[in-house]
Amino acid sequence: MPPSKTHFEKFDTMASDYASSSEYIKHHLQNLTYGQLPAGYERQDHAGNVEVLQQATWTVAHNAAEAKAMGFWAINLDSMIFSIGLGVLFLFFFNLAAKRASAGVPGGLQNFVEWIVEFIDGAVRGSFSHRNALVAPLALTVFVWIFLLNLMDLIPVDWIPYAASLAGVPYLKIVPSTDPNVTFGLSLSIFFLVLYYSVKMKGPGGFFAELAFQPFPKWLFPVNLLLEGVGLIAKPISLALRLFGNMYAGEMIFILIALMFGGGSIMAAFGGALQWAWAVFHILIITLQAFIFMTLTIVYLDMAHSEHH
């Protein structure tokens, strides 16, 4: 049974810290951001005291306005910590299964890992028609890592942020795939590989010809270049936004359901049933999004290896 999405005992305590439902929602959607505030920036603490920074200062943002003022080079610490942590967890267990692998009766972990590897191998064989030793390991990494990132969405929205607030951490988002910086980081990595293999397999001239001389006659190459260029750029954008949009919407629904626990026992009981049903359905979403990202990665790389005539 999927876990309840709200910590029943702590919800009323946490909700009471906010003046309104919208403030509660905004808090749960704010990342823990580290960056540089410019000199002269006016910082206001919770008591209303204003401090004017005399010089540019690297610090953790206390609110959304400070995170925005930090600009492009700010880092969402929570997204980085959970993404890297889950990646390390993935490597640890798969490495452990490889070390314990035997020709005899496999254990539970070996069985699970072999099942995933066979599933990925079948997906690659069905979608990738060329030879490249990188594609299968990449597909495995993409699927398992994104699945783990998405799986964090089933942890109750208040548990970890509440525990972090006791240690003085002002914000904490635990689902990395609800951060567009993470999803675009993943999709752009795939996009660079697509560009690399497109040029490697076809040569610079062949890749340009593919963009400029189809689908219309060669004398319409400006139109071809525009259409094919837009299609090429749309690949990483669609990969990133599809994953981000689905996971962000799912997290938002969990947060909205969580608000029901502050409306009395009847609303709390209804909210508990509703979030249980949504959590069951959400298991399909988090798995499907990981599978779609992996499948499109394989397909895009297959297209990068293929010459179009």
C-alpha atoms as a PDB file:
ATOM      1  CA  MET A   1       0.000   0.000   0.000  1.00  0.00           C
ATOM      2  CA  PRO A   2       1.439   3.408  -0.912  1.00  0.00           C
ATOM      3  CA  PRO A   3       2.246   5.655   2.022  1.00  0.00           C
ATOM      4  CA  SER A   4      -0.146   8.398   3.054  1.00  0.00           C
ATOM      5  CA  LYS A   5       0.895  11.672   1.539  1.00  0.00           C
ATOM      6  CA  THR A   6       0.586  13.776   4.706  1.00  0.00           C
ATOM      7  CA  HIS A   7       1.967  13.374   8.158  1.00  0.00           C
ATOM      8  CA  PHE A   8      -1.314  13.438  10.087  1.00  0.00           C
ATOM      9  CA  GLU A   9       0.182  14.264  13.477  1.00  0.00           C
ATOM     10  CA  LYS A  10       2.371  17.106  12.191  1.00  0.00           C
ATOM     11  CA  PHE A  11       0.108  18.689   9.606  1.00  0.00           C
ATOM     12  CA  ASP A  12      -1.891  20.920  11.940  1.00  0.00           C
ATOM     13  CA  THR A  13       1.335  22.145  13.551  1.00  0.00           C
ATOM     14  CA  MET A  14       2.889  22.966  10.184  1.00  0.00           C
ATOM     15  CA  ALA A  15      -0.253  24.522   8.706  1.00  0.00           C
ATOM     16  CA  SER A  16      -0.601  26.782  11.718  1.00  0.00           C
ATOM     17  CA  ASP A  17       2.724  28.375  10.840  1.00  0.00           C
ATOM     18  CA  TYR A  18       1.187  29.890   7.682  1.00  0.00           C
ATOM     19  CA  ALA A  19      -1.288  32.731   7.369  1.00  0.00           C
ATOM     20  CA  SER A  20      -3.166  31.131   4.464  1.00  0.00           C
ATOM     21  CA  SER A  21      -3.412  28.064   2.267  1.00  0.00           C
ATOM     22  CA  SER A  22      -1.624  29.884  -0.566  1.00  0.00           C
ATOM     23  CA  GLU A  23       1.312  30.636   1.730  1.00  0.00           C
ATOM     24  CA  TYR A  24       1.484  26.968   2.712  1.00  0.00           C
ATOM     25  CA  ILE A  25       1.490  25.928  -0.963  1.00  0.00           C
ATOM     26  CA  LYS A  26       4.121  28.503  -1.941  1.00  0.00           C
ATOM     27  CA  HIS A  27       6.367  27.335   0.899  1.00  0.00           C
ATOM     28  CA  HIS A  28       6.178  23.715  -0.237  1.00  0.00           C
ATOM     29  CA  LEU A  29       6.984  24.674  -3.825  1.00  0.00           C
ATOM     30  CA  GLN A  30      10.041  26.780  -2.939  1.00  0.00           C
ATOM     31  CA  ASN A  31      13.508  25.268  -3.322  1.00  0.00           C
ATOM     32  CA  LEU A  32      16.358  25.671  -0.860  1.00  0.00           C
ATOM     33  CA  THR A  33      18.435  28.042  -3.000  1.00  0.00           C
ATOM     34  CA  TYR A  34      22.057  29.057  -2.517  1.00  0.00           C
ATOM     35  CA  GLY A  35      23.483  31.978  -4.459  1.00  0.00           C
ATOM     36  CA  GLN A  36      24.951  35.467  -4.396  1.00  0.00           C
ATOM     37  CA  LEU A  37      22.895  38.483  -3.389  1.00  0.00           C
ATOM     38  CA  PRO A  38      24.165  41.744  -4.934  1.00  0.00           C
ATOM     39  CA  ALA A  39      25.618  44.606  -2.915  1.00  0.00           C
ATOM     40  CA  GLY A  40      22.928  47.010  -1.739  1.00  0.00           C
ATOM     41  CA  TYR A  41      20.263  44.322  -1.550  1.00  0.00           C
ATOM     42  CA  GLU A  42      17.807  44.889   1.311  1.00  0.00           C
ATOM     43  CA  ARG A  43      17.214  41.712   3.301  1.00  0.00           C
ATOM     44  CA  GLN A  44      14.263  41.503   5.667  1.00  0.00           C
ATOM     45  CA  ASP A  45      14.169  38.929   8.459  1.00  0.00           C
ATOM     46  CA  HIS A  46      11.082  37.349  10.028  1.00  0.00           C
ATOM     47  CA  ALA A  47      10.932  40.095  12.646  1.00  0.00           C
ATOM     48  CA  GLY A  48      10.711  42.771   9.945  1.00  0.00           C
ATOM     49  CA  ASN A  49      14.235  44.125  10.472  1.00  0.00           C
ATOM     50  CA  VAL A  50      15.920  45.293   7.254  1.00  0.00           C
ATOM     51  CA  GLU A  51      19.610  44.743   6.543  1.00  0.00           C
ATOM     52  CA  VAL A  52      21.328  46.405   3.588  1.00  0.00           C
ATOM     53  CA  LEU A  53      24.174  44.273   2.249  1.00  0.00           C
ATOM     54  CA  GLN A  54      27.400  46.254   1.958  1.00  0.00           C
ATOM     55  CA  GLN A  55      28.926  43.785  -0.492  1.00  0.00           C
ATOM     56  CA  ALA A  56      27.868  40.869  -2.653  1.00  0.00           C
ATOM     57  CA  THR A  57      27.121  37.944  -0.353  1.00  0.00           C
ATOM     58  CA  TRP A  58      26.842  34.206  -0.972  1.00  0.00           C
ATOM     59  CA  THR A  59      24.035  32.865   1.198  1.00  0.00           C
ATOM     60  CA  VAL A  60      20.903  30.736   1.363  1.00  0.00           C
ATOM     61  CA  ALA A  61      17.737  32.494   0.170  1.00  0.00           C
ATOM     62  CA  HIS A  62      15.195  33.217   2.905  1.00  0.00           C
ATOM     63  CA  ASN A  63      12.304  33.659   0.472  1.00  0.00           C
ATOM     64  CA  ALA A  64      11.349  33.486  -3.206  1.00  0.00           C
ATOM     65  CA  ALA A  65      12.298  37.137  -3.814  1.00  0.00           C
ATOM     66  CA  GLU A  66      15.860  36.501  -2.626  1.00  0.00           C
ATOM     67  CA  ALA A  67      16.107  33.368  -4.773  1.00  0.00           C
ATOM     68  CA  LYS A  68      15.046  35.421  -7.800  1.00  0.00           C
ATOM     69  CA  ALA A  69      17.570  38.163  -6.973  1.00  0.00           C
ATOM     70  CA  MET A  70      20.383  35.588  -6.952  1.00  0.00           C
ATOM     71  CA  GLY A  71      20.029  35.156 -10.698  1.00  0.00           C
ATOM     72  CA  PHE A  72      21.172  32.417 -13.057  1.00  0.00           C
ATOM     73  CA  TRP A  73      24.107  31.060 -11.043  1.00  0.00           C
ATOM     74  CA  ALA A  74      22.046  30.184  -7.975  1.00  0.00           C
ATOM     75  CA  ILE A  75      21.926  26.494  -7.055  1.00  0.00           C
ATOM     76  CA  ASN A  76      18.924  24.614  -5.686  1.00  0.00           C
ATOM     77  CA  LEU A  77      20.667  22.708  -2.918  1.00  0.00           C
ATOM     78  CA  ASP A  78      17.799  20.334  -2.197  1.00  0.00           C
ATOM     79  CA  SER A  79      17.519  19.246  -5.846  1.00  0.00           C
ATOM     80  CA  MET A  80      21.272  18.646  -6.036  1.00  0.00           C
ATOM     81  CA  ILE A  81      21.455  16.753  -2.736  1.00  0.00           C
ATOM     82  CA  PHE A  82      18.532  14.436  -3.447  1.00  0.00           C
ATOM     83  CA  SER A  83      19.517  13.883  -7.103  1.00  0.00           C
ATOM     84  CA  ILE A  84      23.111  12.981  -6.271  1.00  0.00           C
ATOM     85  CA  GLY A  85      22.051  10.954  -3.222  1.00  0.00           C
ATOM     86  CA  LEU A  86      19.583   8.878  -5.226  1.00  0.00           C
ATOM     87  CA  GLY A  87      22.182   8.401  -7.976  1.00  0.00           C
ATOM     88  CA  VAL A  88      24.670   7.099  -5.420  1.00  0.00           C
ATOM     89  CA  LEU A  89      21.976   4.813  -3.972  1.00  0.00           C
ATOM     90  CA  PHE A  90      21.287   3.420  -7.437  1.00  0.00           C
ATOM     91  CA  LEU A  91      24.991   2.757  -8.073  1.00  0.00           C
ATOM     92  CA  PHE A  92      25.464   1.195  -4.640  1.00  0.00           C
ATOM     93  CA  PHE A  93      22.691  -1.384  -4.949  1.00  0.00           C
ATOM     94  CA  PHE A  94      23.455  -2.305  -8.563  1.00  0.00           C
ATOM     95  CA  ASN A  95      27.149  -2.625  -7.749  1.00  0.00           C
ATOM     96  CA  LEU A  96      26.256  -4.750  -4.725  1.00  0.00           C
ATOM     97  CA  ALA A  97      24.099  -7.008  -6.891  1.00  0.00           C
ATOM     98  CA  ALA A  98      26.949  -7.365  -9.416  1.00  0.00           C
ATOM     99  CA  LYS A  99      29.410  -8.352  -6.688  1.00  0.00           C
ATOM    100  CA  ARG A 100      27.014 -10.909  -5.209  1.00  0.00           C
ATOM    101  CA  ALA A 101      25.934 -12.352  -8.573  1.00  0.00           C
ATOM    102  CA  SER A 102      26.301 -16.116  -8.846  1.00  0.00           C
ATOM    103  CA  ALA A 103      25.502 -18.831 -11.367  1.00  0.00           C
ATOM    104  CA  GLY A 104      23.419 -20.638  -8.758  1.00  0.00           C
ATOM    105  CA  VAL A 105      20.021 -19.727  -7.360  1.00  0.00           C
ATOM    106  CA  PRO A 106      19.927 -15.898  -7.385  1.00  0.00           C
ATOM    107  CA  GLY A 107      18.957 -13.897  -4.332  1.00  0.00           C
ATOM    108  CA  GLY A 108      16.197 -11.323  -4.187  1.00  0.00           C
ATOM    109  CA  LEU A 109      18.412  -8.352  -5.085  1.00  0.00           C
ATOM    110  CA  GLN A 110      20.065 -10.193  -7.985  1.00  0.00           C
ATOM    111  CA  ASN A 111      16.665 -11.290  -9.272  1.00  0.00           C
ATOM    112  CA  PHE A 112      15.363  -7.710  -9.149  1.00  0.00           C
ATOM    113  CA  VAL A 113      18.410  -6.230 -10.880  1.00  0.00           C
ATOM    114  CA  GLU A 114      18.443  -8.939 -13.563  1.00  0.00           C
ATOM    115  CA  TRP A 115      14.749  -8.292 -14.231  1.00  0.00           C
ATOM    116  CA  ILE A 116      15.396  -4.570 -14.747  1.00  0.00           C
ATOM    117  CA  VAL A 117      18.454  -5.216 -16.937  1.00  0.00           C
ATOM    118  CA  GLU A 118      16.507  -7.662 -19.115  1.00  0.00           C
ATOM    119  CA  PHE A 119      13.637  -5.185 -19.398  1.00  0.00           C
ATOM    120  CA  ILE A 120      15.996  -2.394 -20.507  1.00  0.00           C
ATOM    121  CA  ASP A 121      17.845  -4.728 -22.872  1.00  0.00           C
ATOM    122  CA  GLY A 122      14.564  -5.652 -24.551  1.00  0.00           C
ATOM    123  CA  ALA A 123      13.599  -1.993 -24.898  1.00  0.00           C
ATOM    124  CA  VAL A 124      16.966  -1.136 -26.480  1.00  0.00           C
ATOM    125  CA  ARG A 125      16.853  -4.079 -28.890  1.00  0.00           C
ATOM    126  CA  GLY A 126      13.362  -3.056 -29.968  1.00  0.00           C
ATOM    127  CA  SER A 127      14.131   0.628 -30.559  1.00  0.00           C
ATOM    128  CA  PHE A 128      17.847   0.894 -31.403  1.00  0.00           C
ATOM    129  CA  SER A 129      18.887  -0.627 -34.723  1.00  0.00           C
ATOM    130  CA  HIS A 130      22.631   0.114 -34.582  1.00  0.00           C
ATOM    131  CA  ARG A 131      25.629  -0.959 -32.495  1.00  0.00           C
ATOM    132  CA  ASN A 132      26.713   1.297 -29.648  1.00  0.00           C
ATOM    133  CA  ALA A 133      27.896  -0.021 -26.292  1.00  0.00           C
ATOM    134  CA  LEU A 134      26.831   3.212 -24.573  1.00  0.00           C
ATOM    135  CA  VAL A 135      23.097   3.086 -25.316  1.00  0.00           C
ATOM    136  CA  ALA A 136      21.989   0.203 -23.058  1.00  0.00           C
ATOM    137  CA  PRO A 137      23.879   1.413 -19.922  1.00  0.00           C
ATOM    138  CA  LEU A 138      22.628   4.942 -20.611  1.00  0.00           C
ATOM    139  CA  ALA A 139      19.032   3.722 -20.935  1.00  0.00           C
ATOM    140  CA  LEU A 140      19.372   1.770 -17.679  1.00  0.00           C
ATOM    141  CA  THR A 141      20.773   4.802 -15.863  1.00  0.00           C
ATOM    142  CA  VAL A 142      18.105   7.137 -17.234  1.00  0.00           C
ATOM    143  CA  PHE A 143      15.218   4.830 -16.334  1.00  0.00           C
ATOM    144  CA  VAL A 144      16.299   3.875 -12.812  1.00  0.00           C
ATOM    145  CA  TRP A 145      17.552   7.331 -11.834  1.00  0.00           C
ATOM    146  CA  ILE A 146      14.443   9.158 -13.048  1.00  0.00           C
ATOM    147  CA  PHE A 147      12.218   6.533 -11.434  1.00  0.00           C
ATOM    148  CA  LEU A 148      13.956   7.119  -8.097  1.00  0.00           C
ATOM    149  CA  LEU A 149      13.663  10.904  -8.498  1.00  0.00           C
ATOM    150  CA  ASN A 150       9.941  10.515  -9.179  1.00  0.00           C
ATOM    151  CA  LEU A 151       9.474   7.990  -6.386  1.00  0.00           C
ATOM    152  CA  MET A 152      10.260  10.693  -3.825  1.00  0.00           C
ATOM    153  CA  ASP A 153       6.834  12.118  -4.643  1.00  0.00           C
ATOM    154  CA  LEU A 154       5.238   9.303  -2.608  1.00  0.00           C
ATOM    155  CA  ILE A 155       6.917  10.444   0.616  1.00  0.00           C
ATOM    156  CA  PRO A 156       4.490  12.553   2.706  1.00  0.00           C
ATOM    157  CA  VAL A 157       4.852  16.213   1.838  1.00  0.00           C
ATOM    158  CA  ASP A 158       5.386  17.363   5.419  1.00  0.00           C
ATOM    159  CA  TRP A 159       7.628  14.686   6.885  1.00  0.00           C
ATOM    160  CA  ILE A 160      11.093  15.603   5.638  1.00  0.00           C
ATOM    161  CA  PRO A 161      10.495  19.387   5.313  1.00  0.00           C
ATOM    162  CA  TYR A 162       9.163  19.472   8.880  1.00  0.00           C
ATOM    163  CA  ALA A 163      12.183  17.583  10.197  1.00  0.00           C
ATOM    164  CA  ALA A 164      14.458  19.928   8.248  1.00  0.00           C
ATOM    165  CA  SER A 165      12.691  22.994   9.660  1.00  0.00           C
ATOM    166  CA  LEU A 166      13.564  21.824  13.176  1.00  0.00           C
ATOM    167  CA  ALA A 167      17.226  22.079  12.124  1.00  0.00           C
ATOM    168  CA  GLY A 168      16.700  25.602  10.798  1.00  0.00           C
ATOM    169  CA  VAL A 169      16.331  24.769   7.109  1.00  0.00           C
ATOM    170  CA  PRO A 170      13.761  27.254   5.713  1.00  0.00           C
ATOM    171  CA  TYR A 171      12.749  25.350   2.554  1.00  0.00           C
ATOM    172  CA  LEU A 172      13.134  21.805   1.263  1.00  0.00           C
ATOM    173  CA  LYS A 173      11.721  20.214  -1.887  1.00  0.00           C
ATOM    174  CA  ILE A 174      12.416  16.496  -1.935  1.00  0.00           C
ATOM    175  CA  VAL A 175      11.225  15.657  -5.476  1.00  0.00           C
ATOM    176  CA  PRO A 176      14.046  16.662  -7.852  1.00  0.00           C
ATOM    177  CA  SER A 177      11.984  16.044 -10.986  1.00  0.00           C
ATOM    178  CA  THR A 178       9.634  18.891  -9.976  1.00  0.00           C
ATOM    179  CA  ASP A 179      12.578  21.248 -10.502  1.00  0.00           C
ATOM    180  CA  PRO A 180      12.951  22.291 -14.175  1.00  0.00           C
ATOM    181  CA  ASN A 181      16.694  22.773 -13.620  1.00  0.00           C
ATOM    182  CA  VAL A 182      16.993  19.019 -13.024  1.00  0.00           C
ATOM    183  CA  THR A 183      14.782  17.940 -15.912  1.00  0.00           C
ATOM    184  CA  PHE A 184      16.515  20.305 -18.343  1.00  0.00           C
ATOM    185  CA  GLY A 185      19.895  19.112 -17.073  1.00  0.00           C
ATOM    186  CA  LEU A 186      18.899  15.544 -17.942  1.00  0.00           C
ATOM    187  CA  SER A 187      17.403  16.411 -21.321  1.00  0.00           C
ATOM    188  CA  LEU A 188      20.298  18.640 -22.399  1.00  0.00           C
ATOM    189  CA  SER A 189      22.748  15.845 -21.575  1.00  0.00           C
ATOM    190  CA  ILE A 190      20.827  13.575 -23.938  1.00  0.00           C
ATOM    191  CA  PHE A 191      20.648  16.367 -26.526  1.00  0.00           C
ATOM    192  CA  PHE A 192      24.434  16.819 -26.524  1.00  0.00           C
ATOM    193  CA  LEU A 193      24.855  13.078 -27.072  1.00  0.00           C
ATOM    194  CA  VAL A 194      22.397  13.252 -29.978  1.00  0.00           C
ATOM    195  CA  LEU A 195      24.386  16.105 -31.544  1.00  0.00           C
ATOM    196  CA  TYR A 196      27.683  14.299 -30.948  1.00  0.00           C
ATOM    197  CA  TYR A 197      26.577  11.060 -32.622  1.00  0.00           C
ATOM    198  CA  SER A 198      24.784  12.932 -35.418  1.00  0.00           C
ATOM    199  CA  VAL A 199      28.056  14.622 -36.379  1.00  0.00           C
ATOM    200  CA  LYS A 200      30.200  11.542 -35.691  1.00  0.00           C
ATOM    201  CA  MET A 201      28.109   9.131 -37.772  1.00  0.00           C
ATOM    202  CA  LYS A 202      27.185  11.480 -40.644  1.00  0.00           C
ATOM    203  CA  GLY A 203      29.960  14.059 -40.597  1.00  0.00           C
ATOM    204  CA  PRO A 204      29.326  17.817 -40.232  1.00  0.00           C
ATOM    205  CA  GLY A 205      28.268  18.120 -43.888  1.00  0.00           C
ATOM    206  CA  GLY A 206      25.933  15.154 -43.721  1.00  0.00           C
ATOM    207  CA  PHE A 207      24.293  16.416 -40.554  1.00  0.00           C
ATOM    208  CA  PHE A 208      23.797  19.871 -42.051  1.00  0.00           C
ATOM    209  CA  ALA A 209      22.413  18.350 -45.253  1.00  0.00           C
ATOM    210  CA  GLU A 210      19.947  16.356 -43.197  1.00  0.00           C
ATOM    211  CA  LEU A 211      18.699  19.587 -41.616  1.00  0.00           C
ATOM    212  CA  ALA A 212      18.748  21.762 -44.763  1.00  0.00           C
ATOM    213  CA  PHE A 213      17.698  19.515 -47.656  1.00  0.00           C
ATOM    214  CA  GLN A 214      14.605  17.713 -46.378  1.00  0.00           C
ATOM    215  CA  PRO A 215      11.638  17.319 -46.435  1.00  0.00           C
ATOM    216  CA  PHE A 216      11.198  19.884 -49.248  1.00  0.00           C
ATOM    217  CA  PRO A 217      13.398  20.305 -52.389  1.00  0.00           C
ATOM    218  CA  LYS A 218      16.928  21.617 -51.874  1.00  0.00           C
ATOM    219  CA  TRP A 219      16.146  25.093 -53.169  1.00  0.00           C
ATOM    220  CA  LEU A 220      13.813  25.506 -50.172  1.00  0.00           C
ATOM    221  CA  PHE A 221      16.699  24.889 -47.769  1.00  0.00           C
ATOM    222  CA  PRO A 222      15.895  27.974 -45.606  1.00  0.00           C
ATOM    223  CA  VAL A 223      12.425  26.540 -44.947  1.00  0.00           C
ATOM    224  CA  ASN A 224      13.861  23.071 -44.365  1.00  0.00           C
ATOM    225  CA  LEU A 225      16.498  24.436 -42.021  1.00  0.00           C
ATOM    226  CA  LEU A 226      13.895  26.320 -40.035  1.00  0.00           C
ATOM    227  CA  LEU A 227      11.528  23.359 -39.737  1.00  0.00           C
ATOM    228  CA  GLU A 228      14.216  20.784 -38.981  1.00  0.00           C
ATOM    229  CA  GLY A 229      16.029  23.166 -36.606  1.00  0.00           C
ATOM    230  CA  VAL A 230      12.852  23.775 -34.628  1.00  0.00           C
ATOM    231  CA  GLY A 231      12.203  20.032 -34.520  1.00  0.00           C
ATOM    232  CA  LEU A 232      15.740  19.382 -33.293  1.00  0.00           C
ATOM    233  CA  ILE A 233      15.570  22.010 -30.541  1.00  0.00           C
ATOM    234  CA  ALA A 234      12.107  20.807 -29.528  1.00  0.00           C
ATOM    235  CA  LYS A 235      13.506  17.411 -28.526  1.00  0.00           C
ATOM    236  CA  PRO A 236      15.281  18.446 -25.286  1.00  0.00           C
ATOM    237  CA  ILE A 237      12.573  20.996 -24.470  1.00  0.00           C
ATOM    238  CA  SER A 238       9.780  18.426 -24.781  1.00  0.00           C
ATOM    239  CA  LEU A 239      11.776  15.843 -22.806  1.00  0.00           C
ATOM    240  CA  ALA A 240      12.342  18.266 -19.937  1.00  0.00           C
ATOM    241  CA  LEU A 241       8.905  19.871 -19.844  1.00  0.00           C
ATOM    242  CA  ARG A 242       7.005  16.581 -20.107  1.00  0.00           C
ATOM    243  CA  LEU A 243       8.753  15.154 -17.068  1.00  0.00           C
ATOM    244  CA  PHE A 244       8.633  18.408 -15.112  1.00  0.00           C
ATOM    245  CA  GLY A 245       4.985  19.142 -15.940  1.00  0.00           C
ATOM    246  CA  ASN A 246       3.665  15.732 -14.964  1.00  0.00           C
ATOM    247  CA  MET A 247       5.612  15.522 -11.718  1.00  0.00           C
ATOM    248  CA  TYR A 248       4.921  19.148 -10.738  1.00  0.00           C
ATOM    249  CA  ALA A 249       1.193  18.657 -11.295  1.00  0.00           C
ATOM    250  CA  GLY A 250       1.239  15.449  -9.256  1.00  0.00           C
ATOM    251  CA  GLU A 251       3.050  17.127  -6.372  1.00  0.00           C
ATOM    252  CA  MET A 252       0.633  20.066  -6.491  1.00  0.00           C
ATOM    253  CA  ILE A 253      -2.332  17.705  -6.166  1.00  0.00           C
ATOM    254  CA  PHE A 254      -0.728  16.034  -3.149  1.00  0.00           C
ATOM    255  CA  ILE A 255      -0.193  19.432  -1.524  1.00  0.00           C
ATOM    256  CA  LEU A 256      -3.794  20.475  -2.210  1.00  0.00           C
ATOM    257  CA  ILE A 257      -5.074  17.240  -0.698  1.00  0.00           C
ATOM    258  CA  ALA A 258      -2.817  17.850   2.307  1.00  0.00           C
ATOM    259  CA  LEU A 259      -4.700  21.083   3.024  1.00  0.00           C
ATOM    260  CA  MET A 260      -7.826  19.028   3.707  1.00  0.00           C
ATOM    261  CA  PHE A 261      -6.278  17.705   6.910  1.00  0.00           C
ATOM    262  CA  GLY A 262      -6.662  21.127   8.484  1.00  0.00           C
ATOM    263  CA  GLY A 263     -10.452  21.150   7.893  1.00  0.00           C
ATOM    264  CA  GLY A 264     -11.646  18.857  10.656  1.00  0.00           C
ATOM    265  CA  SER A 265     -12.032  15.107  11.095  1.00  0.00           C
ATOM    266  CA  ILE A 266     -14.504  14.577   8.226  1.00  0.00           C
ATOM    267  CA  MET A 267     -12.339  16.445   5.725  1.00  0.00           C
ATOM    268  CA  ALA A 268      -9.258  14.658   7.051  1.00  0.00           C
ATOM    269  CA  ALA A 269     -10.875  11.249   6.545  1.00  0.00           C
ATOM    270  CA  PHE A 270     -11.945  12.194   3.015  1.00  0.00           C
ATOM    271  CA  GLY A 271      -8.479  13.602   2.315  1.00  0.00           C
ATOM    272  CA  GLY A 272      -6.849  10.383   3.523  1.00  0.00           C
ATOM    273  CA  ALA A 273      -8.974   8.275   1.142  1.00  0.00           C
ATOM    274  CA  LEU A 274      -8.402  10.702  -1.700  1.00  0.00           C
ATOM    275  CA  GLN A 275      -4.655  10.821  -1.326  1.00  0.00           C
ATOM    276  CA  TRP A 276      -4.433   7.044  -1.025  1.00  0.00           C
ATOM    277  CA  ALA A 277      -6.266   6.729  -4.352  1.00  0.00           C
ATOM    278  CA  TRP A 278      -4.051   9.390  -5.941  1.00  0.00           C
ATOM    279  CA  ALA A 279      -0.893   7.720  -4.607  1.00  0.00           C
ATOM    280  CA  VAL A 280      -1.928   4.395  -6.181  1.00  0.00           C
ATOM    281  CA  PHE A 281      -2.551   6.104  -9.518  1.00  0.00           C
ATOM    282  CA  HIS A 282       0.637   8.150  -9.155  1.00  0.00           C
ATOM    283  CA  ILE A 283       2.739   4.966  -9.046  1.00  0.00           C
ATOM    284  CA  LEU A 284       1.754   4.468 -12.687  1.00  0.00           C
ATOM    285  CA  ILE A 285       2.655   8.079 -13.528  1.00  0.00           C
ATOM    286  CA  ILE A 286       6.137   8.007 -12.001  1.00  0.00           C
ATOM    287  CA  THR A 287       6.942   4.722 -13.745  1.00  0.00           C
ATOM    288  CA  LEU A 288       5.480   5.825 -17.060  1.00  0.00           C
ATOM    289  CA  GLN A 289       7.394   9.119 -17.059  1.00  0.00           C
ATOM    290  CA  ALA A 290      10.692   7.311 -16.448  1.00  0.00           C
ATOM    291  CA  PHE A 291       9.874   4.832 -19.227  1.00  0.00           C
ATOM    292  CA  ILE A 292       8.897   7.570 -21.713  1.00  0.00           C
ATOM    293  CA  PHE A 293      12.099   9.527 -21.029  1.00  0.00           C
ATOM    294  CA  MET A 294      14.180   6.379 -21.507  1.00  0.00           C
ATOM    295  CA  THR A 295      12.351   5.329 -24.681  1.00  0.00           C
ATOM    296  CA  LEU A 296      12.686   8.753 -26.293  1.00  0.00           C
ATOM    297  CA  THR A 297      16.371   8.778 -25.374  1.00  0.00           C
ATOM    298  CA  ILE A 298      16.864   5.483 -27.244  1.00  0.00           C
ATOM    299  CA  VAL A 299      14.791   6.677 -30.226  1.00  0.00           C
ATOM    300  CA  TYR A 300      16.653  10.005 -30.498  1.00  0.00           C
ATOM    301  CA  LEU A 301      20.007   8.240 -30.403  1.00  0.00           C
ATOM    302  CA  ASP A 302      18.823   5.779 -33.033  1.00  0.00           C
ATOM    303  CA  MET A 303      17.827   8.713 -35.255  1.00  0.00           C
ATOM    304  CA  ALA A 304      21.258  10.276 -34.673  1.00  0.00           C
ATOM    305  CA  HIS A 305      22.900   7.086 -35.968  1.00  0.00           C
ATOM    306  CA  SER A 306      20.611   6.748 -39.014  1.00  0.00           C
ATOM    307  CA  GLU A 307      21.084   8.509 -42.318  1.00  0.00           C
ATOM    308  CA  HIS A 308      17.964   9.903 -43.956  1.00  0.00           C
ATOM    309  CA  HIS A 309      17.694   9.770 -47.733  1.00  0.00           C
END
